[in-house]
Amino acid sequence: MRSSAICDANIAVRWLVDHPTSGFAIEAREAHDLIAPQLLLAEVANALRGYVRAGLLPLEMAQTHLVRLPRQIELRPEDPLMPLALRLSIEHAHPVYDCVYVAMALTLNCPLVTADGKLAKAFAGLRGLQLQQPLEAL
């Protein structure tokens, strides 16, 4: 049985878009049963929008990726996590939407898989948080 891990939007986007951390993202998908807050879909859609507008990705491919995400990641409601996410955001001076992923990882006692160097730096050393990130994000 594979272990569970929390996946952030950076990882999900890297599955589709060629990036130096794409290999790490694909390995994470193959190694773990991934879980994420539902807000992941909006964050991924926003990131893919940028790639489509820049002409780097066809709209149809971006839409297909969004439709497939819930089959690859177990999406859970974030509303129970919001009080903790807000506290983490204030304590670490970091955006609440990123803190939702951290709150989920802490609550479920699962590692957080991320390619977001700023998030990893902001929460490095936080008691109870296990971060998994590519070397390129350091």
Foldseek 3Di string as FASTA:
>chain_A
DAAEAEEALQLLLLCPAPDPCNVVSVVDLVRHQYEYEPCSLVVNLVVVVVCCVVVNDPPVVSVVSSVCVCVSYPYDHQVVQQVVLVVLCVVLVHDSVLSSSVSVCQVVLHEYEDLALVSCVSCPPPPSYHYDYDPVSD
